Amino acid sequence: MKKYSILLLAAGLLSLTSCDEYLDKLPDDRAEVNSLDKAKQFLVSAYPTHSPNLIFETSCDNRTDNGVLYVAQPNQHQAYRWQTIETEGNDDPKAIWNANYEACAIANMALESIEGTSPEANALRAEALLCRAYAMFMTANTFCMAWNEEKADEYLGVPYPKVAGVTVDERGTLRDTYKNINDDIEEALPMLNDTYLSVPKYHFNARAAYAFAARFNLYYRNYDKAIEYATKALGNNPSSLMRNTIDYETLAGVEDIHNKWIRTGENCNFMLLSAYSIAGRTIYGSTSYKRFAHNRDIVTNQTFWAKSPWSTGTSAVTGNALVEARRQYGTNQCVYLPSLFEDFEVTDKVNNTGYAHVVDPVFTGDETILVRAEAYIMKNQYTAALADMNTWLTGHSDVTSPMFLTLTEENVNASLNSIKMTEVPSRAVGEETIKKPLNPQGFAIEEGTQTNLIYTLLHMRRLTTMYQGLRWLDIKRWGIEFTHHLDNEENITFKAGDLRGAIQLPTDVIEAGLEANPREN
């Protein structure tokens, strides 16, 4: 008897009535894919439909506690405290696990069906491989520790199915998982061909594919490849692929900003994915989600208004060159940039019911150029890194502002040396800054210029990927230590290499026999 227990149990690809019936039923009643055209249609569903953004954002230092007078949902309470998340909603571990393995299963079925080596067949094969790699990359980023060369054989990976209909019931190591992702990416890239894509920005078009490869290799610490692939994504004119935020200055308000942010026509948006999610409600502080939020203390001291090379930290307008600093909305309890808002799909107009979605630009020119800049910094190529950082800064700044500047080693060092290091644990959110203790996982950096450039780069990444969850992954990679404050409770601290950085697997997956993530005793 073949074993389908763990992955398909979680993914819900088959209904479970009795154990024997479930295990004996092969997934052969699925849609038959016997042509390239059908494979193309099938791959539309090979992208995850659920996102870890809500968990990631609540877990990281972009959120703090507004106090017991405000309401939060159970998964917010658990994610904020780095506890096992026991709920089973659209933003929870079970849904994320399911969505990623469903995407992987569909990619495998498409790969099985594609025959021949025509340009279109190879292009479809490339998309399927990238979809499988991306689903597994997101699964690993959610349920595993960050890549650490020194511990890659010790840390648990995730099952990596490669044959349609056959599950893998062992996690293997993190090294196994990253090798599999790398193999899929490397096999796919030479076969890229966008000509068959009717809506390229909702698929792995070439720019998105190379941006994905660049991010993966940055996390994998293959800096040369990160630079190579980021360069292929950005082309010869990276400034044309930045989000030209000055255009947002003239927009009427929240809805217009959001609509423009997620347009396929925005050059900066390489690939967009839609997810079933209520994460948008936590962004703007809906009443039922307001306790843990990006509040005024965070925005003032750590994010958009914080002291940095382009901001005095005293004024969101005259003391800050960043356009996004002037496009913040909300209240003291929840300050937000209206980027990843909720898009509600109405299915019943009479009762006004339907599905909450978030449309996420998962790969952008802005983030990709910062991937390349980080890789340059790690290779001590500071001139190239600063060129990329200045391209980002120009795109995100009002260049007429008195605070606008061209970053140099000198002014970056002067600014960062003047900013206080955050104590951990900290006494109050208002005492925290953009500088928090760094403990790189499995690598080291030099004090002085390299460290200051990394602090600046990580601050740029934090602003660029706000609400997209990537700050949590940067915290894990860089061993950033920080405090989560709690009203009427003891504050809690996230330490470098903290095992709670690997979100616990869904309960039913553990009960089916897959090894749980370890925790400190």
Protein backbone atom coordinates (compact mmCIF):
# COMPACT_ATOMS: atom_id res chain seq x y z
CA MET A 1 0.00 0.00 0.00
CA LYS A 2 1.31 3.46 -0.84
CA LYS A 3 1.52 5.95 2.00
CA TYR A 4 -0.43 9.17 1.53
CA SER A 5 -0.99 9.86 5.22
CA ILE A 6 0.89 12.97 6.23
CA LEU A 7 1.00 15.45 3.37
CA LEU A 8 -2.36 14.64 1.82
CA LEU A 9 -3.98 14.50 5.24
CA ALA A 10 -2.87 18.05 5.81
CA ALA A 11 -3.50 19.27 2.30
CA GLY A 12 -7.01 17.93 2.20
CA LEU A 13 -6.66 16.78 -1.39
CA LEU A 14 -8.77 13.73 -0.56
CA SER A 15 -11.71 13.46 1.80
CA LEU A 16 -11.07 11.21 4.82
CA THR A 17 -13.85 8.82 5.75
CA SER A 18 -12.18 5.64 6.96
CA CYS A 19 -8.44 5.04 7.17
CA ASP A 20 -8.39 2.20 4.65
CA GLU A 21 -10.59 4.02 2.17
CA TYR A 22 -8.47 7.13 2.46
CA LEU A 23 -5.15 5.38 2.02
CA ASP A 24 -6.31 3.16 -0.82
CA LYS A 25 -7.86 5.94 -2.90
CA LEU A 26 -5.38 7.14 -5.49
CA PRO A 27 -5.71 10.72 -6.72
CA ASP A 28 -6.51 9.48 -10.24
CA ASP A 29 -9.93 11.12 -10.26
CA ARG A 30 -8.20 14.49 -10.58
CA ALA A 31 -8.48 16.48 -13.78
CA GLU A 32 -6.71 14.63 -16.58
CA VAL A 33 -3.90 16.72 -18.01
CA ASN A 34 -2.92 15.45 -21.41
CA SER A 35 -1.85 18.49 -23.37
CA LEU A 36 0.32 21.56 -22.96
CA ASP A 37 -2.77 23.74 -23.00
CA LYS A 38 -4.29 21.82 -20.09
CA ALA A 39 -0.98 21.89 -18.24
CA LYS A 40 -0.93 25.66 -18.69
CA GLN A 41 -4.42 25.94 -17.23
CA PHE A 42 -3.50 23.61 -14.39
CA LEU A 43 -0.49 25.70 -13.36
CA VAL A 44 -2.79 28.62 -12.58
CA SER A 45 -3.54 26.70 -9.36
CA ALA A 46 0.07 25.87 -8.52
CA TYR A 47 0.52 29.00 -6.38
CA PRO A 48 -0.25 29.05 -2.63
CA THR A 49 -3.64 30.53 -1.78
CA HIS A 50 -2.81 31.21 1.87
CA SER A 51 -0.07 33.36 3.31
CA PRO A 52 1.99 33.43 6.52
CA ASN A 53 2.07 37.25 6.51
CA LEU A 54 -0.24 37.71 9.50
CA ILE A 55 1.76 35.27 11.64
CA PHE A 56 5.09 36.68 10.50
CA GLU A 57 4.10 40.31 11.08
CA THR A 58 2.62 39.59 14.50
CA SER A 59 5.69 37.59 15.50
CA CYS A 60 8.22 40.25 14.52
CA ASP A 61 9.09 43.68 15.90
CA ASN A 62 6.71 45.54 13.59
CA ARG A 63 3.95 45.04 16.18
CA THR A 64 3.60 45.88 19.85
CA ASP A 65 0.93 45.65 22.54
CA ASN A 66 -1.60 48.48 22.78
CA GLY A 67 -2.95 47.01 26.02
CA VAL A 68 -5.81 44.97 27.43
CA LEU A 69 -8.35 47.67 26.59
CA TYR A 70 -8.06 46.56 22.96
CA VAL A 71 -9.14 43.32 21.32
CA ALA A 72 -7.09 40.72 19.46
CA GLN A 73 -7.86 37.30 18.04
CA PRO A 74 -6.48 34.07 19.52
CA ASN A 75 -3.95 33.55 16.72
CA GLN A 76 -2.60 37.07 17.29
CA HIS A 77 -2.15 36.38 21.00
CA GLN A 78 -0.32 33.14 20.26
CA ALA A 79 1.86 34.49 17.43
CA TYR A 80 2.84 37.57 19.45
CA ARG A 81 3.95 35.33 22.31
CA TRP A 82 5.71 32.86 19.93
CA GLN A 83 3.43 30.09 21.15
CA THR A 84 1.95 27.15 19.26
CA ILE A 85 -0.91 28.51 17.14
CA GLU A 86 -3.90 26.29 17.75
CA THR A 87 -6.55 28.00 15.64
CA GLU A 88 -7.34 26.81 12.12
CA GLY A 89 -8.33 29.90 10.18
CA ASN A 90 -7.14 31.11 6.78
CA ASP A 91 -4.00 32.73 8.25
CA ASP A 92 -2.98 29.86 10.51
CA PRO A 93 -0.32 27.13 10.19
CA LYS A 94 -2.72 24.42 9.00
CA ALA A 95 -4.01 26.56 6.12
CA ILE A 96 -0.47 27.65 5.19
CA TRP A 97 0.83 24.07 5.24
CA ASN A 98 -2.17 22.87 3.22
CA ALA A 99 -1.88 25.59 0.61
CA ASN A 100 1.83 25.04 0.04
CA TYR A 101 1.51 21.27 -0.32
CA GLU A 102 -1.51 21.62 -2.58
CA ALA A 103 0.53 23.95 -4.79
CA CYS A 104 3.39 21.47 -4.74
CA ALA A 105 1.07 18.59 -5.63
CA ILE A 106 -0.39 20.49 -8.59
CA ALA A 107 3.09 21.42 -9.79
CA ASN A 108 4.09 17.76 -9.62
CA MET A 109 1.03 16.70 -11.59
CA ALA A 110 1.79 19.31 -14.23
CA LEU A 111 5.41 18.12 -14.46
CA GLU A 112 4.21 14.54 -14.90
CA SER A 113 1.93 15.55 -17.76
CA ILE A 114 4.31 17.72 -19.80
CA GLU A 115 5.90 15.90 -22.71
CA GLY A 116 8.44 17.01 -25.26
CA THR A 117 11.11 19.68 -25.29
CA SER A 118 9.48 22.41 -27.33
CA PRO A 119 10.01 25.99 -26.08
CA GLU A 120 6.48 26.03 -24.65
CA ALA A 121 6.89 22.63 -22.98
CA ASN A 122 10.14 23.76 -21.39
CA ALA A 123 8.59 27.05 -20.29
CA LEU A 124 5.72 25.20 -18.61
CA ARG A 125 8.22 22.83 -17.03
CA ALA A 126 10.15 25.83 -15.69
CA GLU A 127 7.02 27.37 -14.18
CA ALA A 128 6.05 24.09 -12.52
CA LEU A 129 9.54 23.67 -11.04
CA LEU A 130 9.51 27.24 -9.75
CA CYS A 131 6.05 26.79 -8.25
CA ARG A 132 7.23 23.67 -6.42
CA ALA A 133 10.40 25.42 -5.25
CA TYR A 134 8.48 28.50 -4.09
CA ALA A 135 5.88 26.45 -2.19
CA MET A 136 8.64 24.55 -0.41
CA PHE A 137 10.65 27.73 0.18
CA MET A 138 7.63 29.29 1.90
CA THR A 139 7.01 26.11 3.88
CA ALA A 140 10.63 26.05 5.03
CA ASN A 141 10.61 29.74 5.91
CA THR A 142 7.50 29.18 8.03
CA PHE A 143 8.21 25.87 9.75
CA CYS A 144 12.03 25.71 9.80
CA MET A 145 14.91 27.66 11.25
CA ALA A 146 16.86 30.08 9.06
CA TRP A 147 19.65 28.65 6.93
CA ASN A 148 22.77 28.13 9.00
CA GLU A 149 25.64 26.29 7.35
CA GLU A 150 26.94 25.18 10.74
CA LYS A 151 23.61 23.63 11.79
CA ALA A 152 22.04 22.69 8.45
CA ASP A 153 22.50 18.97 9.18
CA GLU A 154 21.01 19.39 12.65
CA TYR A 155 17.98 21.56 11.85
CA LEU A 156 14.84 19.86 10.54
CA GLY A 157 13.72 20.47 6.97
CA VAL A 158 10.31 19.79 5.43
CA PRO A 159 9.08 16.89 3.27
CA TYR A 160 9.77 17.63 -0.41
CA PRO A 161 7.48 15.60 -2.71
CA LYS A 162 8.69 15.30 -6.29
CA VAL A 163 6.37 12.60 -7.68
CA ALA A 164 2.69 13.27 -8.31
CA GLY A 165 0.47 11.39 -5.88
CA VAL A 166 3.26 10.09 -3.67
CA THR A 167 3.97 11.81 -0.38
CA VAL A 168 7.22 12.00 1.55
CA ASP A 169 6.73 11.15 5.21
CA GLU A 170 10.09 12.37 6.54
CA ARG A 171 11.27 15.90 7.11
CA GLY A 172 14.93 15.33 6.39
CA THR A 173 17.38 18.09 7.26
CA LEU A 174 17.39 21.76 6.41
CA ARG A 175 20.34 21.04 4.11
CA ASP A 176 18.19 18.52 2.21
CA THR A 177 15.38 21.04 1.81
CA TYR A 178 17.61 23.85 0.58
CA LYS A 179 19.38 21.54 -1.86
CA ASN A 180 16.04 20.47 -3.32
CA ILE A 181 14.89 24.07 -3.69
CA ASN A 182 18.19 25.01 -5.29
CA ASP A 183 18.03 22.08 -7.71
CA ASP A 184 14.53 23.05 -8.86
CA ILE A 185 15.48 26.69 -9.36
CA GLU A 186 18.65 25.87 -11.26
CA GLU A 187 16.83 23.44 -13.53
CA ALA A 188 14.06 25.95 -14.22
CA LEU A 189 15.97 29.15 -15.01
CA PRO A 190 17.49 28.09 -18.37
CA MET A 191 14.00 27.18 -19.65
CA LEU A 192 12.26 30.50 -18.88
CA ASN A 193 10.08 31.88 -21.64
CA ASP A 194 7.38 34.48 -20.98
CA THR A 195 5.72 34.35 -24.37
CA TYR A 196 3.02 31.86 -23.33
CA LEU A 197 1.91 33.86 -20.26
CA SER A 198 -1.35 35.76 -20.72
CA VAL A 199 -1.17 37.50 -17.32
CA PRO A 200 2.59 37.44 -16.61
CA LYS A 201 2.55 39.21 -13.25
CA TYR A 202 0.42 36.50 -11.63
CA HIS A 203 2.94 33.86 -12.73
CA PHE A 204 6.66 33.23 -12.57
CA ASN A 205 7.62 35.51 -15.42
CA ALA A 206 11.37 35.93 -15.97
CA ARG A 207 11.82 38.96 -13.70
CA ALA A 208 9.92 37.25 -10.87
CA ALA A 209 11.82 34.01 -11.38
CA TYR A 210 15.20 35.71 -11.14
CA ALA A 211 14.03 37.79 -8.16
CA PHE A 212 13.01 34.57 -6.42
CA ALA A 213 16.35 32.97 -7.26
CA ALA A 214 18.15 36.04 -5.92
CA ARG A 215 16.25 36.03 -2.61
CA PHE A 216 16.73 32.30 -2.16
CA ASN A 217 20.47 32.56 -2.78
CA LEU A 218 20.77 35.50 -0.40
CA TYR A 219 19.17 33.39 2.34
CA TYR A 220 21.36 30.44 1.24
CA ARG A 221 24.37 32.77 1.47
CA ASN A 222 25.41 32.20 -2.14
CA TYR A 223 26.19 35.88 -2.63
CA ASP A 224 27.61 35.65 -6.15
CA LYS A 225 24.46 33.95 -7.38
CA ALA A 226 22.26 36.40 -5.50
CA ILE A 227 24.01 39.24 -7.31
CA GLU A 228 23.87 37.48 -10.69
CA TYR A 229 20.17 36.70 -10.49
CA ALA A 230 19.17 40.05 -9.02
CA THR A 231 21.01 41.71 -11.90
CA LYS A 232 19.08 39.62 -14.42
CA ALA A 233 15.81 40.62 -12.74
CA LEU A 234 16.71 44.32 -12.59
CA GLY A 235 18.25 44.71 -16.03
CA ASN A 236 20.24 47.72 -17.14
CA ASN A 237 17.99 50.40 -15.65
CA PRO A 238 17.04 49.43 -12.07
CA SER A 239 15.76 52.93 -11.28
CA SER A 240 12.87 52.32 -13.70
CA LEU A 241 11.83 49.32 -11.58
CA MET A 242 11.60 51.15 -8.26
CA ARG A 243 8.24 52.13 -6.81
CA ASN A 244 8.12 55.80 -7.78
CA THR A 245 6.57 56.86 -4.50
CA ILE A 246 6.42 60.56 -5.36
CA ASP A 247 3.53 59.62 -7.68
CA TYR A 248 1.57 58.60 -4.56
CA GLU A 249 1.77 62.13 -3.16
CA THR A 250 -1.05 63.38 -5.39
CA LEU A 251 -3.42 60.47 -4.79
CA ALA A 252 -6.66 61.21 -2.97
CA GLY A 253 -6.26 58.80 -0.08
CA VAL A 254 -6.24 55.28 1.26
CA GLU A 255 -8.16 53.47 -1.48
CA ASP A 256 -6.29 55.13 -4.33
CA ILE A 257 -2.91 54.37 -2.75
CA HIS A 258 -3.83 50.74 -2.20
CA ASN A 259 -5.19 50.28 -5.72
CA LYS A 260 -2.06 51.74 -7.28
CA TRP A 261 0.21 49.71 -4.98
CA ILE A 262 -1.00 46.38 -6.33
CA ARG A 263 -1.47 47.26 -10.00
CA THR A 264 0.16 44.98 -12.54
CA GLY A 265 1.05 48.15 -14.45
CA GLU A 266 3.44 49.28 -11.73
CA ASN A 267 6.91 48.45 -13.09
CA CYS A 268 8.16 47.63 -9.61
CA ASN A 269 5.68 44.76 -9.19
CA PHE A 270 7.29 41.61 -10.61
CA MET A 271 4.73 39.08 -9.30
CA LEU A 272 1.52 39.34 -7.31
CA LEU A 273 -0.26 36.59 -5.39
CA SER A 274 -3.73 36.65 -3.91
CA ALA A 275 -4.36 34.93 -0.58
CA TYR A 276 -7.43 34.21 1.50
CA SER A 277 -6.60 36.35 4.52
CA ILE A 278 -7.88 38.82 7.07
CA ALA A 279 -4.36 40.25 7.48
CA GLY A 280 -5.57 43.53 5.98
CA ARG A 281 -7.79 44.08 9.01
CA THR A 282 -4.80 43.86 11.32
CA ILE A 283 -2.95 46.44 9.21
CA TYR A 284 -5.49 49.24 9.61
CA GLY A 285 -6.50 48.24 13.14
CA SER A 286 -10.03 46.96 12.75
CA THR A 287 -11.72 46.94 16.18
CA SER A 288 -11.42 43.17 16.62
CA TYR A 289 -7.69 43.13 15.79
CA LYS A 290 -6.35 46.31 17.38
CA ARG A 291 -4.39 45.13 20.42
CA PHE A 292 -1.19 44.07 18.62
CA ALA A 293 -0.38 46.68 16.01
CA HIS A 294 2.13 48.91 14.28
CA ASN A 295 1.42 51.83 16.59
CA ARG A 296 2.78 55.34 16.99
CA ASP A 297 5.69 54.24 19.19
CA ILE A 298 6.88 51.78 16.53
CA VAL A 299 6.50 54.14 13.57
CA THR A 300 8.16 57.01 15.47
CA ASN A 301 11.21 55.17 16.77
CA GLN A 302 11.73 52.15 14.53
CA THR A 303 10.12 52.39 11.11
CA PHE A 304 8.95 55.20 8.83
CA TRP A 305 9.63 58.18 11.14
CA ALA A 306 12.67 56.76 12.92
CA LYS A 307 16.07 58.44 13.03
CA SER A 308 18.17 57.27 10.09
CA PRO A 309 20.55 58.77 7.53
CA TRP A 310 17.57 60.42 5.76
CA SER A 311 15.51 61.30 8.84
CA THR A 312 16.11 63.37 11.97
CA GLY A 313 13.50 61.30 13.80
CA THR A 314 11.72 64.50 14.82
CA SER A 315 9.29 65.26 12.00
CA ALA A 316 7.49 63.09 9.47
CA VAL A 317 7.51 65.95 6.97
CA THR A 318 10.34 68.48 7.25
CA GLY A 319 12.74 66.10 8.97
CA ASN A 320 12.30 63.11 6.67
CA ALA A 321 13.00 62.63 2.97
CA LEU A 322 10.96 59.43 2.72
CA VAL A 323 7.68 59.83 0.84
CA GLU A 324 6.09 56.92 2.73
CA ALA A 325 6.64 58.88 5.95
CA ARG A 326 4.03 61.37 4.74
CA ARG A 327 1.58 58.71 3.56
CA GLN A 328 0.82 57.22 7.00
CA TYR A 329 -2.78 57.03 8.23
CA GLY A 330 -4.60 55.83 11.33
CA THR A 331 -4.53 56.49 15.06
CA ASN A 332 -2.01 56.33 17.88
CA GLN A 333 -2.89 52.65 18.29
CA CYS A 334 -2.46 51.76 14.63
CA VAL A 335 -0.43 53.75 12.11
CA TYR A 336 -0.39 52.32 8.61
CA LEU A 337 0.62 52.73 5.01
CA PRO A 338 -2.39 51.62 2.90
CA SER A 339 -0.50 49.13 0.76
CA LEU A 340 -1.64 45.55 1.52
CA PHE A 341 -5.24 46.33 2.42
CA GLU A 342 -8.10 43.88 2.33
CA ASP A 343 -9.74 43.14 -1.01
CA PHE A 344 -13.16 41.65 -0.30
CA GLU A 345 -14.73 39.24 -2.78
CA VAL A 346 -18.52 39.48 -2.45
CA THR A 347 -20.24 36.17 -3.18
CA ASP A 348 -23.68 37.13 -1.82
CA LYS A 349 -24.67 40.73 -2.60
CA VAL A 350 -27.88 40.52 -0.57
CA ASN A 351 -26.14 39.52 2.67
CA ASN A 352 -22.83 41.16 1.75
CA THR A 353 -20.86 38.02 2.49
CA GLY A 354 -17.84 36.60 0.74
CA TYR A 355 -14.11 36.08 1.13
CA ALA A 356 -11.41 38.38 2.46
CA HIS A 357 -8.26 38.51 0.32
CA VAL A 358 -4.90 40.23 0.36
CA VAL A 359 -3.04 40.84 -2.89
CA ASP A 360 0.68 40.77 -2.18
CA PRO A 361 3.47 41.91 -4.53
CA VAL A 362 5.67 39.02 -3.41
CA PHE A 363 8.56 40.04 -5.71
CA THR A 364 9.38 43.66 -6.51
CA GLY A 365 12.21 45.69 -7.94
CA ASP A 366 12.55 47.50 -4.61
CA GLU A 367 13.17 44.36 -2.59
CA THR A 368 15.34 42.77 -5.29
CA ILE A 369 17.74 45.69 -5.43
CA LEU A 370 18.12 45.44 -1.65
CA VAL A 371 18.84 41.72 -2.02
CA ARG A 372 21.70 42.64 -4.34
CA ALA A 373 22.87 45.43 -2.04
CA GLU A 374 23.02 43.06 0.94
CA ALA A 375 25.02 40.55 -1.09
CA TYR A 376 27.44 43.31 -2.13
CA ILE A 377 27.88 44.38 1.49
CA MET A 378 28.64 40.82 2.52
CA LYS A 379 31.31 40.68 -0.20
CA ASN A 380 32.77 44.00 1.03
CA GLN A 381 31.85 45.67 -2.26
CA TYR A 382 30.59 48.83 -0.60
CA THR A 383 30.61 51.10 -3.66
CA ALA A 384 28.28 48.76 -5.54
CA ALA A 385 26.09 48.30 -2.46
CA LEU A 386 25.76 52.05 -1.92
CA ALA A 387 24.84 52.55 -5.58
CA ASP A 388 21.92 50.15 -5.16
CA MET A 389 20.90 51.65 -1.83
CA ASN A 390 20.91 55.12 -3.39
CA THR A 391 18.75 53.88 -6.27
CA TRP A 392 16.24 52.64 -3.70
CA LEU A 393 16.45 55.84 -1.66
CA THR A 394 15.91 58.08 -4.70
CA GLY A 395 12.82 56.13 -5.71
CA HIS A 396 11.36 56.38 -2.21
CA SER A 397 12.26 59.99 -1.48
CA ASP A 398 11.19 63.52 -2.18
CA VAL A 399 14.47 64.61 -3.72
CA THR A 400 13.62 68.27 -2.97
CA SER A 401 13.54 67.54 0.77
CA PRO A 402 16.37 69.12 2.80
CA MET A 403 16.89 65.67 4.33
CA PHE A 404 17.50 63.96 0.98
CA LEU A 405 21.11 62.85 0.61
CA THR A 406 23.33 60.50 -1.34
CA LEU A 407 24.49 57.75 0.97
CA THR A 408 28.23 57.39 1.47
CA GLU A 409 30.30 55.33 3.85
CA GLU A 410 31.01 58.51 5.79
CA ASN A 411 27.45 59.71 6.31
CA VAL A 412 26.13 56.20 6.98
CA ASN A 413 28.78 55.69 9.67
CA ALA A 414 28.11 59.12 11.16
CA SER A 415 24.37 58.53 11.32
CA LEU A 416 24.42 54.98 12.62
CA ASN A 417 27.11 55.72 15.19
CA SER A 418 24.86 58.44 16.60
CA ILE A 419 21.91 56.08 17.06
CA LYS A 420 21.60 54.31 20.40
CA MET A 421 21.73 50.51 20.46
CA THR A 422 18.46 49.06 21.73
CA GLU A 423 18.74 47.26 25.05
CA VAL A 424 17.35 43.74 25.15
CA PRO A 425 15.16 43.33 27.03
CA SER A 426 14.07 46.91 26.57
CA ARG A 427 12.13 48.86 29.16
CA ALA A 428 9.73 50.52 26.71
CA VAL A 429 8.96 50.54 23.00
CA GLY A 430 9.70 54.27 22.93
CA GLU A 431 13.33 53.57 23.90
CA GLU A 432 13.97 51.25 20.96
CA THR A 433 15.70 52.27 17.72
CA ILE A 434 16.56 50.84 14.30
CA LYS A 435 19.67 49.32 15.91
CA LYS A 436 19.10 46.04 17.72
CA PRO A 437 21.69 43.39 18.60
CA LEU A 438 22.77 41.36 15.56
CA ASN A 439 23.92 37.76 15.88
CA PRO A 440 24.23 36.46 12.30
CA GLN A 441 23.25 32.80 12.07
CA GLY A 442 26.24 30.82 10.87
CA PHE A 443 28.33 33.73 9.61
CA ALA A 444 30.01 36.89 10.87
CA ILE A 445 30.33 40.56 9.94
CA GLU A 446 32.94 43.19 10.66
CA GLU A 447 32.40 46.00 13.13
CA GLY A 448 32.29 49.51 11.76
CA THR A 449 31.33 50.20 8.14
CA GLN A 450 30.04 46.74 7.27
CA THR A 451 27.82 46.59 10.35
CA ASN A 452 26.51 50.13 9.82
CA LEU A 453 25.72 49.43 6.17
CA ILE A 454 23.86 46.28 7.21
CA TYR A 455 21.82 48.21 9.78
CA THR A 456 20.88 50.74 7.09
CA LEU A 457 20.11 47.99 4.58
CA LEU A 458 17.95 46.06 7.06
CA HIS A 459 16.06 49.25 7.88
CA MET A 460 15.37 49.76 4.16
CA ARG A 461 14.20 46.15 3.87
CA ARG A 462 11.96 46.57 6.89
CA LEU A 463 10.22 49.57 5.32
CA THR A 464 10.02 48.05 1.84
CA THR A 465 8.49 44.77 3.01
CA MET A 466 6.19 46.17 5.69
CA TYR A 467 3.15 43.85 6.15
CA GLN A 468 4.71 41.20 3.87
CA GLY A 469 6.33 39.22 6.66
CA LEU A 470 9.92 39.37 5.41
CA ARG A 471 11.05 41.28 8.50
CA TRP A 472 10.47 38.08 10.50
CA LEU A 473 12.74 36.19 8.13
CA ASP A 474 15.42 38.89 8.42
CA ILE A 475 15.17 38.60 12.21
CA LYS A 476 15.75 34.85 11.96
CA ARG A 477 18.63 35.16 9.44
CA TRP A 478 20.42 37.92 11.30
CA GLY A 479 19.71 36.75 14.84
CA ILE A 480 18.10 40.09 15.71
CA GLU A 481 17.17 40.13 19.38
CA PHE A 482 14.14 42.14 20.51
CA THR A 483 11.44 42.51 23.13
CA HIS A 484 7.70 42.03 22.85
CA HIS A 485 6.03 44.16 25.51
CA LEU A 486 2.87 42.90 27.21
CA ASP A 487 0.31 44.81 29.22
CA ASN A 488 -0.10 43.41 32.76
CA GLU A 489 2.30 40.56 31.95
CA GLU A 490 6.04 40.09 31.93
CA ASN A 491 7.67 41.22 28.72
CA ILE A 492 9.16 38.48 26.56
CA THR A 493 12.37 38.37 24.52
CA PHE A 494 13.24 36.73 21.24
CA LYS A 495 16.88 35.62 21.21
CA ALA A 496 19.27 34.79 18.40
CA GLY A 497 18.74 31.22 17.21
CA ASP A 498 15.49 31.02 19.18
CA LEU A 499 13.83 27.70 18.31
CA ARG A 500 10.45 29.42 18.38
CA GLY A 501 11.46 31.03 15.10
CA ALA A 502 10.32 27.78 13.46
CA ILE A 503 6.53 27.93 13.70
CA GLN A 504 5.13 24.71 15.13
CA LEU A 505 3.64 22.26 12.62
CA PRO A 506 -0.14 21.80 12.48
CA THR A 507 -1.39 19.42 15.15
CA ASP A 508 -2.86 16.89 12.71
CA VAL A 509 0.43 16.69 10.82
CA ILE A 510 2.28 15.89 14.05
CA GLU A 511 -0.39 13.36 15.05
CA ALA A 512 0.00 11.71 11.63
CA GLY A 513 3.65 11.04 12.47
CA LEU A 514 5.76 13.96 11.28
CA GLU A 515 8.38 15.14 13.77
CA ALA A 516 7.41 18.30 15.64
CA ASN A 517 9.69 21.31 15.87
CA PRO A 518 11.77 21.14 19.05
CA ARG A 519 11.43 23.73 21.78
CA GLU A 520 13.70 24.79 24.60
CA ASN A 521 13.13 22.81 27.80
